[in-house]
Amino acid sequence: TVSKDNTKRTVYLQMNSLQPEDTAVYYCYLRAYDNPPDYWGHGT
């Protein structure tokens, strides 16, 4: 489940029933209005 808190400027990903195939680096993404517009986190 993805959700966000606008006040905190934070987006969340609640992950349940995780399985080994879910193993990965997870990245946050935002498409803004800059040039280039794409922003990525460093991953967790």
PDB file of all heavy atoms in Angstrom:
ATOM      1  N   THR A   1       0.841  -1.183   0.000  1.00  0.00           N
ATOM      2  CA  THR A   1       0.000   0.000   0.000  1.00  0.00           C
ATOM      3  C   THR A   1       0.879   1.238   0.000  1.00  0.00           C
ATOM      4  O   THR A   1       1.738   1.392   0.872  1.00  0.00           O
ATOM      5  CB  THR A   1      -0.929   0.035   1.220  1.00  0.00           C
ATOM      6  OG1 THR A   1      -1.745  -1.139   1.240  1.00  0.00           O
ATOM      7  CG2 THR A   1      -1.833   1.266   1.159  1.00  0.00           C
ATOM      8  N   VAL A   2       0.661   2.102  -0.968  1.00  0.00           N
ATOM      9  CA  VAL A   2       1.389   3.360  -1.023  1.00  0.00           C
ATOM     10  C   VAL A   2       0.498   4.464  -0.465  1.00  0.00           C
ATOM     11  O   VAL A   2      -0.710   4.486  -0.710  1.00  0.00           O
ATOM     12  CB  VAL A   2       1.858   3.684  -2.461  1.00  0.00           C
ATOM     13  CG1 VAL A   2       0.676   3.901  -3.396  1.00  0.00           C
ATOM     14  CG2 VAL A   2       2.782   4.897  -2.464  1.00  0.00           C
ATOM     15  N   SER A   3       1.085   5.337   0.297  1.00  0.00           N
ATOM     16  CA  SER A   3       0.354   6.456   0.870  1.00  0.00           C
ATOM     17  C   SER A   3       1.294   7.633   0.996  1.00  0.00           C
ATOM     18  O   SER A   3       2.510   7.502   0.814  1.00  0.00           O
ATOM     19  CB  SER A   3      -0.241   6.086   2.234  1.00  0.00           C
ATOM     20  OG  SER A   3       0.774   5.757   3.164  1.00  0.00           O
ATOM     21  N   LYS A   4       0.747   8.788   1.295  1.00  0.00           N
ATOM     22  CA  LYS A   4       1.596   9.959   1.464  1.00  0.00           C
ATOM     23  C   LYS A   4       1.002  10.928   2.462  1.00  0.00           C
ATOM     24  O   LYS A   4      -0.211  10.983   2.664  1.00  0.00           O
ATOM     25  CB  LYS A   4       1.853  10.661   0.128  1.00  0.00           C
ATOM     26  CG  LYS A   4       0.606  11.132  -0.605  1.00  0.00           C
ATOM     27  CD  LYS A   4       0.983  11.760  -1.945  1.00  0.00           C
ATOM     28  CE  LYS A   4      -0.249  12.183  -2.727  1.00  0.00           C
ATOM     29  NZ  LYS A   4       0.129  12.809  -4.026  1.00  0.00           N
ATOM     30  N   ASP A   5       1.890  11.675   3.066  1.00  0.00           N
ATOM     31  CA  ASP A   5       1.537  12.715   4.010  1.00  0.00           C
ATOM     32  C   ASP A   5       2.014  14.027   3.409  1.00  0.00           C
ATOM     33  O   ASP A   5       3.215  14.291   3.354  1.00  0.00           O
ATOM     34  CB  ASP A   5       2.198  12.451   5.365  1.00  0.00           C
ATOM     35  CG  ASP A   5       1.751  13.427   6.430  1.00  0.00           C
ATOM     36  OD1 ASP A   5       1.586  14.621   6.142  1.00  0.00           O
ATOM     37  OD2 ASP A   5       1.579  12.986   7.590  1.00  0.00           O
ATOM     38  N   ASN A   6       1.081  14.833   2.958  1.00  0.00           N
ATOM     39  CA  ASN A   6       1.451  16.071   2.285  1.00  0.00           C
ATOM     40  C   ASN A   6       2.142  17.057   3.221  1.00  0.00           C
ATOM     41  O   ASN A   6       3.049  17.774   2.815  1.00  0.00           O
ATOM     42  CB  ASN A   6       0.217  16.720   1.662  1.00  0.00           C
ATOM     43  CG  ASN A   6      -0.323  15.944   0.481  1.00  0.00           C
ATOM     44  OD1 ASN A   6       0.426  15.260  -0.222  1.00  0.00           O
ATOM     45  ND2 ASN A   6      -1.620  16.055   0.244  1.00  0.00           N
ATOM     46  N   THR A   7       1.696  17.102   4.453  1.00  0.00           N
ATOM     47  CA  THR A   7       2.294  18.019   5.406  1.00  0.00           C
ATOM     48  C   THR A   7       3.757  17.666   5.659  1.00  0.00           C
ATOM     49  O   THR A   7       4.617  18.545   5.716  1.00  0.00           O
ATOM     50  CB  THR A   7       1.515  18.021   6.725  1.00  0.00           C
ATOM     51  OG1 THR A   7       0.167  18.428   6.485  1.00  0.00           O
ATOM     52  CG2 THR A   7       2.158  18.974   7.720  1.00  0.00           C
ATOM     53  N   LYS A   8       4.024  16.389   5.817  1.00  0.00           N
ATOM     54  CA  LYS A   8       5.384  15.929   6.070  1.00  0.00           C
ATOM     55  C   LYS A   8       6.203  15.757   4.801  1.00  0.00           C
ATOM     56  O   LYS A   8       7.401  15.482   4.886  1.00  0.00           O
ATOM     57  CB  LYS A   8       5.358  14.611   6.829  1.00  0.00           C
ATOM     58  CG  LYS A   8       4.750  14.709   8.218  1.00  0.00           C
ATOM     59  CD  LYS A   8       4.775  13.360   8.914  1.00  0.00           C
ATOM     60  CE  LYS A   8       4.203  13.453  10.307  1.00  0.00           C
ATOM     61  NZ  LYS A   8       4.206  12.142  10.994  1.00  0.00           N
ATOM     62  N   ARG A   9       5.565  15.913   3.646  1.00  0.00           N
ATOM     63  CA  ARG A   9       6.231  15.685   2.360  1.00  0.00           C
ATOM     64  C   ARG A   9       6.882  14.305   2.330  1.00  0.00           C
ATOM     65  O   ARG A   9       8.040  14.149   1.924  1.00  0.00           O
ATOM     66  CB  ARG A   9       7.279  16.770   2.091  1.00  0.00           C
ATOM     67  CG  ARG A   9       6.755  18.201   2.102  1.00  0.00           C
ATOM     68  CD  ARG A   9       5.810  18.490   0.939  1.00  0.00           C
ATOM     69  NE  ARG A   9       5.679  19.926   0.720  1.00  0.00           N
ATOM     70  CZ  ARG A   9       4.836  20.725   1.389  1.00  0.00           C
ATOM     71  NH1 ARG A   9       4.041  20.221   2.317  1.00  0.00           N
ATOM     72  NH2 ARG A   9       4.796  22.022   1.104  1.00  0.00           N
ATOM     73  N   THR A  10       6.134  13.334   2.758  1.00  0.00           N
ATOM     74  CA  THR A  10       6.654  11.981   2.867  1.00  0.00           C
ATOM     75  C   THR A  10       5.708  10.999   2.203  1.00  0.00           C
ATOM     76  O   THR A  10       4.494  11.069   2.405  1.00  0.00           O
ATOM     77  CB  THR A  10       6.860  11.589   4.339  1.00  0.00           C
ATOM     78  OG1 THR A  10       7.778  12.493   4.956  1.00  0.00           O
ATOM     79  CG2 THR A  10       7.409  10.177   4.451  1.00  0.00           C
ATOM     80  N   VAL A  11       6.270  10.102   1.417  1.00  0.00           N
ATOM     81  CA  VAL A  11       5.506   9.028   0.806  1.00  0.00           C
ATOM     82  C   VAL A  11       5.947   7.714   1.442  1.00  0.00           C
ATOM     83  O   VAL A  11       7.131   7.512   1.727  1.00  0.00           O
ATOM     84  CB  VAL A  11       5.680   9.008  -0.730  1.00  0.00           C
ATOM     85  CG1 VAL A  11       7.140   8.803  -1.129  1.00  0.00           C
ATOM     86  CG2 VAL A  11       4.795   7.949  -1.356  1.00  0.00           C
ATOM     87  N   TYR A  12       4.995   6.826   1.652  1.00  0.00           N
ATOM     88  CA  TYR A  12       5.240   5.575   2.344  1.00  0.00           C
ATOM     89  C   TYR A  12       4.910   4.392   1.451  1.00  0.00           C
ATOM     90  O   TYR A  12       4.100   4.485   0.528  1.00  0.00           O
ATOM     91  CB  TYR A  12       4.394   5.475   3.613  1.00  0.00           C
ATOM     92  CG  TYR A  12       4.550   6.633   4.555  1.00  0.00           C
ATOM     93  CD1 TYR A  12       3.671   7.715   4.512  1.00  0.00           C
ATOM     94  CD2 TYR A  12       5.567   6.647   5.502  1.00  0.00           C
ATOM     95  CE1 TYR A  12       3.803   8.778   5.386  1.00  0.00           C
ATOM     96  CE2 TYR A  12       5.705   7.708   6.379  1.00  0.00           C
ATOM     97  CZ  TYR A  12       4.823   8.768   6.322  1.00  0.00           C
ATOM     98  OH  TYR A  12       4.957   9.819   7.194  1.00  0.00           O
ATOM     99  N   LEU A  13       5.531   3.288   1.759  1.00  0.00           N
ATOM    100  CA  LEU A  13       5.181   2.025   1.132  1.00  0.00           C
ATOM    101  C   LEU A  13       5.080   0.974   2.226  1.00  0.00           C
ATOM    102  O   LEU A  13       6.103   0.562   2.786  1.00  0.00           O
ATOM    103  CB  LEU A  13       6.204   1.605   0.081  1.00  0.00           C
ATOM    104  CG  LEU A  13       5.886   0.306  -0.664  1.00  0.00           C
ATOM    105  CD1 LEU A  13       4.640   0.486  -1.536  1.00  0.00           C
ATOM    106  CD2 LEU A  13       7.077  -0.145  -1.508  1.00  0.00           C
ATOM    107  N   GLN A  14       3.868   0.577   2.532  1.00  0.00           N
ATOM    108  CA  GLN A  14       3.635  -0.499   3.480  1.00  0.00           C
ATOM    109  C   GLN A  14       3.661  -1.815   2.724  1.00  0.00           C
ATOM    110  O   GLN A  14       2.875  -2.022   1.803  1.00  0.00           O
ATOM    111  CB  GLN A  14       2.291  -0.318   4.187  1.00  0.00           C
ATOM    112  CG  GLN A  14       1.941  -1.427   5.157  1.00  0.00           C
ATOM    113  CD  GLN A  14       2.860  -1.471   6.361  1.00  0.00           C
ATOM    114  OE1 GLN A  14       3.152  -0.440   6.951  1.00  0.00           O
ATOM    115  NE2 GLN A  14       3.317  -2.656   6.720  1.00  0.00           N
ATOM    116  N   MET A  15       4.551  -2.700   3.116  1.00  0.00           N
ATOM    117  CA  MET A  15       4.725  -3.970   2.440  1.00  0.00           C
ATOM    118  C   MET A  15       4.419  -5.099   3.417  1.00  0.00           C
ATOM    119  O   MET A  15       5.088  -5.240   4.444  1.00  0.00           O
ATOM    120  CB  MET A  15       6.145  -4.118   1.890  1.00  0.00           C
ATOM    121  CG  MET A  15       6.546  -3.002   0.930  1.00  0.00           C
ATOM    122  SD  MET A  15       8.149  -3.297   0.143  1.00  0.00           S
ATOM    123  CE  MET A  15       9.218  -3.158   1.583  1.00  0.00           C
ATOM    124  N   ASN A  16       3.415  -5.874   3.088  1.00  0.00           N
ATOM    125  CA  ASN A  16       3.016  -7.008   3.902  1.00  0.00           C
ATOM    126  C   ASN A  16       3.219  -8.307   3.131  1.00  0.00           C
ATOM    127  O   ASN A  16       3.350  -8.306   1.911  1.00  0.00           O
ATOM    128  CB  ASN A  16       1.549  -6.881   4.322  1.00  0.00           C
ATOM    129  CG  ASN A  16       1.274  -5.649   5.139  1.00  0.00           C
ATOM    130  OD1 ASN A  16       2.093  -5.220   5.944  1.00  0.00           O
ATOM    131  ND2 ASN A  16       0.085  -5.070   4.955  1.00  0.00           N
ATOM    132  N   SER A  17       3.212  -9.400   3.858  1.00  0.00           N
ATOM    133  CA  SER A  17       3.364 -10.729   3.260  1.00  0.00           C
ATOM    134  C   SER A  17       4.567 -10.797   2.331  1.00  0.00           C
ATOM    135  O   SER A  17       4.498 -11.324   1.214  1.00  0.00           O
ATOM    136  CB  SER A  17       2.088 -11.123   2.510  1.00  0.00           C
ATOM    137  OG  SER A  17       0.970 -11.130   3.368  1.00  0.00           O
ATOM    138  N   LEU A  18       5.664 -10.279   2.794  1.00  0.00           N
ATOM    139  CA  LEU A  18       6.866 -10.226   1.967  1.00  0.00           C
ATOM    140  C   LEU A  18       7.412 -11.615   1.685  1.00  0.00           C
ATOM    141  O   LEU A  18       7.367 -12.504   2.539  1.00  0.00           O
ATOM    142  CB  LEU A  18       7.929  -9.372   2.646  1.00  0.00           C
ATOM    143  CG  LEU A  18       7.670  -7.860   2.598  1.00  0.00           C
ATOM    144  CD1 LEU A  18       8.522  -7.139   3.625  1.00  0.00           C
ATOM    145  CD2 LEU A  18       7.959  -7.332   1.194  1.00  0.00           C
ATOM    146  N   GLN A  19       7.914 -11.769   0.483  1.00  0.00           N
ATOM    147  CA  GLN A  19       8.477 -13.027   0.025  1.00  0.00           C
ATOM    148  C   GLN A  19       9.894 -12.795  -0.479  1.00  0.00           C
ATOM    149  O   GLN A  19      10.274 -11.665  -0.788  1.00  0.00           O
ATOM    150  CB  GLN A  19       7.610 -13.630  -1.076  1.00  0.00           C
ATOM    151  CG  GLN A  19       6.187 -13.945  -0.648  1.00  0.00           C
ATOM    152  CD  GLN A  19       6.132 -14.935   0.508  1.00  0.00           C
ATOM    153  OE1 GLN A  19       6.820 -15.959   0.489  1.00  0.00           O
ATOM    154  NE2 GLN A  19       5.322 -14.645   1.513  1.00  0.00           N
ATOM    155  N   PRO A  20      10.687 -13.865  -0.575  1.00  0.00           N
ATOM    156  CA  PRO A  20      12.076 -13.690  -1.029  1.00  0.00           C
ATOM    157  C   PRO A  20      12.201 -12.960  -2.363  1.00  0.00           C
ATOM    158  O   PRO A  20      13.174 -12.226  -2.561  1.00  0.00           O
ATOM    159  CB  PRO A  20      12.585 -15.132  -1.123  1.00  0.00           C
ATOM    160  CG  PRO A  20      11.809 -15.859  -0.081  1.00  0.00           C
ATOM    161  CD  PRO A  20      10.430 -15.243  -0.127  1.00  0.00           C
ATOM    162  N   GLU A  21      11.248 -13.152  -3.260  1.00  0.00           N
ATOM    163  CA  GLU A  21      11.311 -12.482  -4.549  1.00  0.00           C
ATOM    164  C   GLU A  21      11.103 -10.977  -4.451  1.00  0.00           C
ATOM    165  O   GLU A  21      11.296 -10.253  -5.431  1.00  0.00           O
ATOM    166  CB  GLU A  21      10.297 -13.078  -5.538  1.00  0.00           C
ATOM    167  CG  GLU A  21       8.875 -13.128  -5.014  1.00  0.00           C
ATOM    168  CD  GLU A  21       8.508 -14.465  -4.402  1.00  0.00           C
ATOM    169  OE1 GLU A  21       9.379 -15.089  -3.759  1.00  0.00           O
ATOM    170  OE2 GLU A  21       7.354 -14.902  -4.570  1.00  0.00           O
ATOM    171  N   ASP A  22      10.712 -10.495  -3.286  1.00  0.00           N
ATOM    172  CA  ASP A  22      10.603  -9.061  -3.065  1.00  0.00           C
ATOM    173  C   ASP A  22      11.944  -8.422  -2.722  1.00  0.00           C
ATOM    174  O   ASP A  22      12.025  -7.198  -2.602  1.00  0.00           O
ATOM    175  CB  ASP A  22       9.605  -8.758  -1.944  1.00  0.00           C
ATOM    176  CG  ASP A  22       8.187  -9.170  -2.299  1.00  0.00           C
ATOM    177  OD1 ASP A  22       7.742  -8.878  -3.426  1.00  0.00           O
ATOM    178  OD2 ASP A  22       7.520  -9.775  -1.435  1.00  0.00           O
ATOM    179  N   THR A  23      12.951  -9.239  -2.545  1.00  0.00           N
ATOM    180  CA  THR A  23      14.276  -8.728  -2.226  1.00  0.00           C
ATOM    181  C   THR A  23      14.780  -7.834  -3.356  1.00  0.00           C
ATOM    182  O   THR A  23      14.850  -8.251  -4.508  1.00  0.00           O
ATOM    183  CB  THR A  23      15.255  -9.875  -1.989  1.00  0.00           C
ATOM    184  OG1 THR A  23      14.854 -10.615  -0.838  1.00  0.00           O
ATOM    185  CG2 THR A  23      16.664  -9.345  -1.768  1.00  0.00           C
ATOM    186  N   ALA A  24      15.113  -6.606  -3.017  1.00  0.00           N
ATOM    187  CA  ALA A  24      15.544  -5.631  -4.013  1.00  0.00           C
ATOM    188  C   ALA A  24      15.944  -4.352  -3.304  1.00  0.00           C
ATOM    189  O   ALA A  24      15.707  -4.184  -2.110  1.00  0.00           O
ATOM    190  CB  ALA A  24      14.426  -5.343  -5.018  1.00  0.00           C
ATOM    191  N   VAL A  25      16.537  -3.458  -4.072  1.00  0.00           N
ATOM    192  CA  VAL A  25      16.714  -2.096  -3.615  1.00  0.00           C
ATOM    193  C   VAL A  25      15.484  -1.313  -4.039  1.00  0.00           C
ATOM    194  O   VAL A  25      15.110  -1.318  -5.212  1.00  0.00           O
ATOM    195  CB  VAL A  25      17.985  -1.453  -4.189  1.00  0.00           C
ATOM    196  CG1 VAL A  25      18.099   0.001  -3.742  1.00  0.00           C
ATOM    197  CG2 VAL A  25      19.215  -2.232  -3.756  1.00  0.00           C
ATOM    198  N   TYR A  26      14.864  -0.658  -3.095  1.00  0.00           N
ATOM    199  CA  TYR A  26      13.647   0.093  -3.357  1.00  0.00           C
ATOM    200  C   TYR A  26      13.976   1.576  -3.445  1.00  0.00           C
ATOM    201  O   TYR A  26      14.640   2.134  -2.569  1.00  0.00           O
ATOM    202  CB  TYR A  26      12.607  -0.163  -2.267  1.00  0.00           C
ATOM    203  CG  TYR A  26      11.951  -1.515  -2.395  1.00  0.00           C
ATOM    204  CD1 TYR A  26      12.665  -2.676  -2.133  1.00  0.00           C
ATOM    205  CD2 TYR A  26      10.629  -1.632  -2.804  1.00  0.00           C
ATOM    206  CE1 TYR A  26      12.084  -3.921  -2.276  1.00  0.00           C
ATOM    207  CE2 TYR A  26      10.034  -2.870  -2.948  1.00  0.00           C
ATOM    208  CZ  TYR A  26      10.763  -4.014  -2.683  1.00  0.00           C
ATOM    209  OH  TYR A  26      10.171  -5.253  -2.826  1.00  0.00           O
ATOM    210  N   TYR A  27      13.491   2.201  -4.515  1.00  0.00           N
ATOM    211  CA  TYR A  27      13.808   3.585  -4.801  1.00  0.00           C
ATOM    212  C   TYR A  27      12.563   4.451  -4.775  1.00  0.00           C
ATOM    213  O   TYR A  27      11.526   4.076  -5.324  1.00  0.00           O
ATOM    214  CB  TYR A  27      14.446   3.725  -6.182  1.00  0.00           C
ATOM    215  CG  TYR A  27      15.779   3.040  -6.337  1.00  0.00           C
ATOM    216  CD1 TYR A  27      15.854   1.731  -6.790  1.00  0.00           C
ATOM    217  CD2 TYR A  27      16.963   3.705  -6.039  1.00  0.00           C
ATOM    218  CE1 TYR A  27      17.073   1.098  -6.943  1.00  0.00           C
ATOM    219  CE2 TYR A  27      18.184   3.082  -6.191  1.00  0.00           C
ATOM    220  CZ  TYR A  27      18.238   1.781  -6.642  1.00  0.00           C
ATOM    221  OH  TYR A  27      19.450   1.155  -6.803  1.00  0.00           O
ATOM    222  N   CYS A  28      12.690   5.598  -4.182  1.00  0.00           N
ATOM    223  CA  CYS A  28      11.656   6.617  -4.249  1.00  0.00           C
ATOM    224  C   CYS A  28      11.823   7.420  -5.531  1.00  0.00           C
ATOM    225  O   CYS A  28      12.945   7.698  -5.951  1.00  0.00           O
ATOM    226  CB  CYS A  28      11.757   7.524  -3.022  1.00  0.00           C
ATOM    227  SG  CYS A  28      10.451   8.755  -2.880  1.00  0.00           S
ATOM    228  N   TYR A  29      10.714   7.799  -6.140  1.00  0.00           N
ATOM    229  CA  TYR A  29      10.735   8.500  -7.423  1.00  0.00           C
ATOM    230  C   TYR A  29       9.767   9.669  -7.425  1.00  0.00           C
ATOM    231  O   TYR A  29       8.651   9.570  -6.914  1.00  0.00           O
ATOM    232  CB  TYR A  29      10.370   7.541  -8.556  1.00  0.00           C
ATOM    233  CG  TYR A  29      10.144   8.233  -9.882  1.00  0.00           C
ATOM    234  CD1 TYR A  29      11.216   8.624 -10.674  1.00  0.00           C
ATOM    235  CD2 TYR A  29       8.859   8.503 -10.333  1.00  0.00           C
ATOM    236  CE1 TYR A  29      11.008   9.258 -11.889  1.00  0.00           C
ATOM    237  CE2 TYR A  29       8.646   9.141 -11.547  1.00  0.00           C
ATOM    238  CZ  TYR A  29       9.725   9.517 -12.320  1.00  0.00           C
ATOM    239  OH  TYR A  29       9.527  10.149 -13.522  1.00  0.00           O
ATOM    240  N   LEU A  30      10.207  10.749  -8.033  1.00  0.00           N
ATOM    241  CA  LEU A  30       9.363  11.928  -8.224  1.00  0.00           C
ATOM    242  C   LEU A  30       9.636  12.526  -9.586  1.00  0.00           C
ATOM    243  O   LEU A  30      10.792  12.731  -9.957  1.00  0.00           O
ATOM    244  CB  LEU A  30       9.636  12.976  -7.138  1.00  0.00           C
ATOM    245  CG  LEU A  30       9.009  14.362  -7.357  1.00  0.00           C
ATOM    246  CD1 LEU A  30       7.494  14.299  -7.213  1.00  0.00           C
ATOM    247  CD2 LEU A  30       9.597  15.383  -6.394  1.00  0.00           C
ATOM    248  N   ARG A  31       8.580  12.796 -10.322  1.00  0.00           N
ATOM    249  CA  ARG A  31       8.698  13.544 -11.563  1.00  0.00           C
ATOM    250  C   ARG A  31       8.224  14.961 -11.284  1.00  0.00           C
ATOM    251  O   ARG A  31       7.037  15.192 -11.086  1.00  0.00           O
ATOM    252  CB  ARG A  31       7.882  12.913 -12.685  1.00  0.00           C
ATOM    253  CG  ARG A  31       8.101  13.593 -14.029  1.00  0.00           C
ATOM    254  CD  ARG A  31       7.420  12.838 -15.167  1.00  0.00           C
ATOM    255  NE  ARG A  31       7.695  13.440 -16.456  1.00  0.00           N
ATOM    256  CZ  ARG A  31       8.764  13.168 -17.199  1.00  0.00           C
ATOM    257  NH1 ARG A  31       9.656  12.281 -16.781  1.00  0.00           N
ATOM    258  NH2 ARG A  31       8.940  13.763 -18.368  1.00  0.00           N
ATOM    259  N   ALA A  32       9.166  15.879 -11.303  1.00  0.00           N
ATOM    260  CA  ALA A  32       8.881  17.264 -10.978  1.00  0.00           C
ATOM    261  C   ALA A  32       8.758  18.095 -12.249  1.00  0.00           C
ATOM    262  O   ALA A  32       8.452  17.587 -13.326  1.00  0.00           O
ATOM    263  CB  ALA A  32       9.967  17.808 -10.053  1.00  0.00           C
ATOM    264  N   TYR A  33       9.022  19.378 -12.127  1.00  0.00           N
ATOM    265  CA  TYR A  33       8.921  20.295 -13.262  1.00  0.00           C
ATOM    266  C   TYR A  33      10.253  20.947 -13.572  1.00  0.00           C
ATOM    267  O   TYR A  33      10.315  22.050 -14.095  1.00  0.00           O
ATOM    268  CB  TYR A  33       7.846  21.348 -12.988  1.00  0.00           C
ATOM    269  CG  TYR A  33       6.473  20.760 -12.825  1.00  0.00           C
ATOM    270  CD1 TYR A  33       5.953  20.506 -11.563  1.00  0.00           C
ATOM    271  CD2 TYR A  33       5.704  20.447 -13.940  1.00  0.00           C
ATOM    272  CE1 TYR A  33       4.698  19.949 -11.413  1.00  0.00           C
ATOM    273  CE2 TYR A  33       4.447  19.896 -13.799  1.00  0.00           C
ATOM    274  CZ  TYR A  33       3.948  19.648 -12.532  1.00  0.00           C
ATOM    275  OH  TYR A  33       2.697  19.101 -12.389  1.00  0.00           O
ATOM    276  N   ASP A  34      11.309  20.270 -13.254  1.00  0.00           N
ATOM    277  CA  ASP A  34      12.649  20.736 -13.528  1.00  0.00           C
ATOM    278  C   ASP A  34      13.154  20.128 -14.826  1.00  0.00           C
ATOM    279  O   ASP A  34      12.482  19.331 -15.473  1.00  0.00           O
ATOM    280  CB  ASP A  34      13.584  20.369 -12.373  1.00  0.00           C
ATOM    281  CG  ASP A  34      13.130  20.938 -11.047  1.00  0.00           C
ATOM    282  OD1 ASP A  34      12.748  22.122 -11.015  1.00  0.00           O
ATOM    283  OD2 ASP A  34      13.145  20.199 -10.046  1.00  0.00           O
ATOM    284  N   ASN A  35      14.339  20.512 -15.197  1.00  0.00           N
ATOM    285  CA  ASN A  35      14.967  19.972 -16.388  1.00  0.00           C
ATOM    286  C   ASN A  35      16.363  19.471 -16.043  1.00  0.00           C
ATOM    287  O   ASN A  35      17.270  20.289 -15.838  1.00  0.00           O
ATOM    288  CB  ASN A  35      15.021  21.020 -17.494  1.00  0.00           C
ATOM    289  CG  ASN A  35      15.506  20.446 -18.811  1.00  0.00           C
ATOM    290  OD1 ASN A  35      15.509  19.249 -19.025  1.00  0.00           O
ATOM    291  ND2 ASN A  35      15.926  21.336 -19.714  1.00  0.00           N
ATOM    292  N   PRO A  36      16.569  18.175 -15.973  1.00  0.00           N
ATOM    293  CA  PRO A  36      15.608  17.082 -16.148  1.00  0.00           C
ATOM    294  C   PRO A  36      14.633  16.980 -14.988  1.00  0.00           C
ATOM    295  O   PRO A  36      14.959  17.391 -13.869  1.00  0.00           O
ATOM    296  CB  PRO A  36      16.497  15.836 -16.236  1.00  0.00           C
ATOM    297  CG  PRO A  36      17.690  16.193 -15.410  1.00  0.00           C
ATOM    298  CD  PRO A  36      17.924  17.662 -15.654  1.00  0.00           C
ATOM    299  N   PRO A  37      13.448  16.406 -15.218  1.00  0.00           N
ATOM    300  CA  PRO A  37      12.402  16.416 -14.186  1.00  0.00           C
ATOM    301  C   PRO A  37      12.442  15.267 -13.199  1.00  0.00           C
ATOM    302  O   PRO A  37      11.777  15.349 -12.170  1.00  0.00           O
ATOM    303  CB  PRO A  37      11.120  16.349 -15.021  1.00  0.00           C
ATOM    304  CG  PRO A  37      11.514  15.526 -16.209  1.00  0.00           C
ATOM    305  CD  PRO A  37      12.937  15.909 -16.510  1.00  0.00           C
ATOM    306  N   ASP A  38      13.212  14.230 -13.495  1.00  0.00           N
ATOM    307  CA  ASP A  38      13.147  13.020 -12.689  1.00  0.00           C
ATOM    308  C   ASP A  38      14.099  13.069 -11.509  1.00  0.00           C
ATOM    309  O   ASP A  38      15.281  13.377 -11.655  1.00  0.00           O
ATOM    310  CB  ASP A  38      13.462  11.787 -13.531  1.00  0.00           C
ATOM    311  CG  ASP A  38      12.477  11.602 -14.667  1.00  0.00           C
ATOM    312  OD1 ASP A  38      11.274  11.838 -14.451  1.00  0.00           O
ATOM    313  OD2 ASP A  38      12.917  11.226 -15.774  1.00  0.00           O
ATOM    314  N   TYR A  39      13.570  12.718 -10.343  1.00  0.00           N
ATOM    315  CA  TYR A  39      14.365  12.626  -9.132  1.00  0.00           C
ATOM    316  C   TYR A  39      14.248  11.236  -8.546  1.00  0.00           C
ATOM    317  O   TYR A  39      13.163  10.652  -8.506  1.00  0.00           O
ATOM    318  CB  TYR A  39      13.911  13.659  -8.098  1.00  0.00           C
ATOM    319  CG  TYR A  39      14.265  15.080  -8.461  1.00  0.00           C
ATOM    320  CD1 TYR A  39      13.389  15.863  -9.203  1.00  0.00           C
ATOM    321  CD2 TYR A  39      15.476  15.634  -8.065  1.00  0.00           C
ATOM    322  CE1 TYR A  39      13.714  17.165  -9.550  1.00  0.00           C
ATOM    323  CE2 TYR A  39      15.806  16.940  -8.403  1.00  0.00           C
ATOM    324  CZ  TYR A  39      14.922  17.699  -9.146  1.00  0.00           C
ATOM    325  OH  TYR A  39      15.249  18.987  -9.479  1.00  0.00           O
ATOM    326  N   TRP A  40      15.374  10.717  -8.093  1.00  0.00           N
ATOM    327  CA  TRP A  40      15.434   9.405  -7.476  1.00  0.00           C
ATOM    328  C   TRP A  40      16.141   9.492  -6.138  1.00  0.00           C
ATOM    329  O   TRP A  40      17.116  10.233  -5.980  1.00  0.00           O
ATOM    330  CB  TRP A  40      16.196   8.407  -8.351  1.00  0.00           C
ATOM    331  CG  TRP A  40      15.551   8.101  -9.664  1.00  0.00           C
ATOM    332  CD1 TRP A  40      15.754   8.730 -10.847  1.00  0.00           C
ATOM    333  CD2 TRP A  40      14.602   7.066  -9.916  1.00  0.00           C
ATOM    334  NE1 TRP A  40      14.988   8.152 -11.835  1.00  0.00           N
ATOM    335  CE2 TRP A  40      14.271   7.134 -11.292  1.00  0.00           C
ATOM    336  CE3 TRP A  40      14.003   6.089  -9.124  1.00  0.00           C
ATOM    337  CZ2 TRP A  40      13.366   6.254 -11.884  1.00  0.00           C
ATOM    338  CZ3 TRP A  40      13.101   5.219  -9.704  1.00  0.00           C
ATOM    339  CH2 TRP A  40      12.795   5.305 -11.073  1.00  0.00           C
ATOM    340  N   GLY A  41      15.647   8.722  -5.184  1.00  0.00           N
ATOM    341  CA  GLY A  41      16.404   8.542  -3.970  1.00  0.00           C
ATOM    342  C   GLY A  41      17.567   7.604  -4.222  1.00  0.00           C
ATOM    343  O   GLY A  41      17.729   7.036  -5.307  1.00  0.00           O
ATOM    344  N   HIS A  42      18.387   7.427  -3.215  1.00  0.00           N
ATOM    345  CA  HIS A  42      19.544   6.549  -3.342  1.00  0.00           C
ATOM    346  C   HIS A  42      19.196   5.080  -3.123  1.00  0.00           C
ATOM    347  O   HIS A  42      20.028   4.215  -3.389  1.00  0.00           O
ATOM    348  CB  HIS A  42      20.634   6.967  -2.368  1.00  0.00           C
ATOM    349  CG  HIS A  42      21.244   8.296  -2.679  1.00  0.00           C
ATOM    350  ND1 HIS A  42      21.954   8.526  -3.838  1.00  0.00           N
ATOM    351  CD2 HIS A  42      21.242   9.463  -1.994  1.00  0.00           C
ATOM    352  CE1 HIS A  42      22.368   9.789  -3.860  1.00  0.00           C
ATOM    353  NE2 HIS A  42      21.950  10.370  -2.750  1.00  0.00           N
ATOM    354  N   GLY A  43      18.006   4.813  -2.668  1.00  0.00           N
ATOM    355  CA  GLY A  43      17.546   3.452  -2.503  1.00  0.00           C
ATOM    356  C   GLY A  43      17.723   2.937  -1.088  1.00  0.00           C
ATOM    357  O   GLY A  43      18.627   3.363  -0.363  1.00  0.00           O
ATOM    358  N   THR A  44      16.860   2.023  -0.726  1.00  0.00           N
ATOM    359  CA  THR A  44      16.962   1.343   0.554  1.00  0.00           C
ATOM    360  C   THR A  44      16.812  -0.156   0.316  1.00  0.00           C
ATOM    361  O   THR A  44      15.928  -0.595  -0.412  1.00  0.00           O
ATOM    362  CB  THR A  44      15.913   1.864   1.561  1.00  0.00           C
ATOM    363  OG1 THR A  44      16.099   1.237   2.829  1.00  0.00           O
ATOM    364  CG2 THR A  44      14.489   1.620   1.074  1.00  0.00           C
TER     365      THR A  44
END
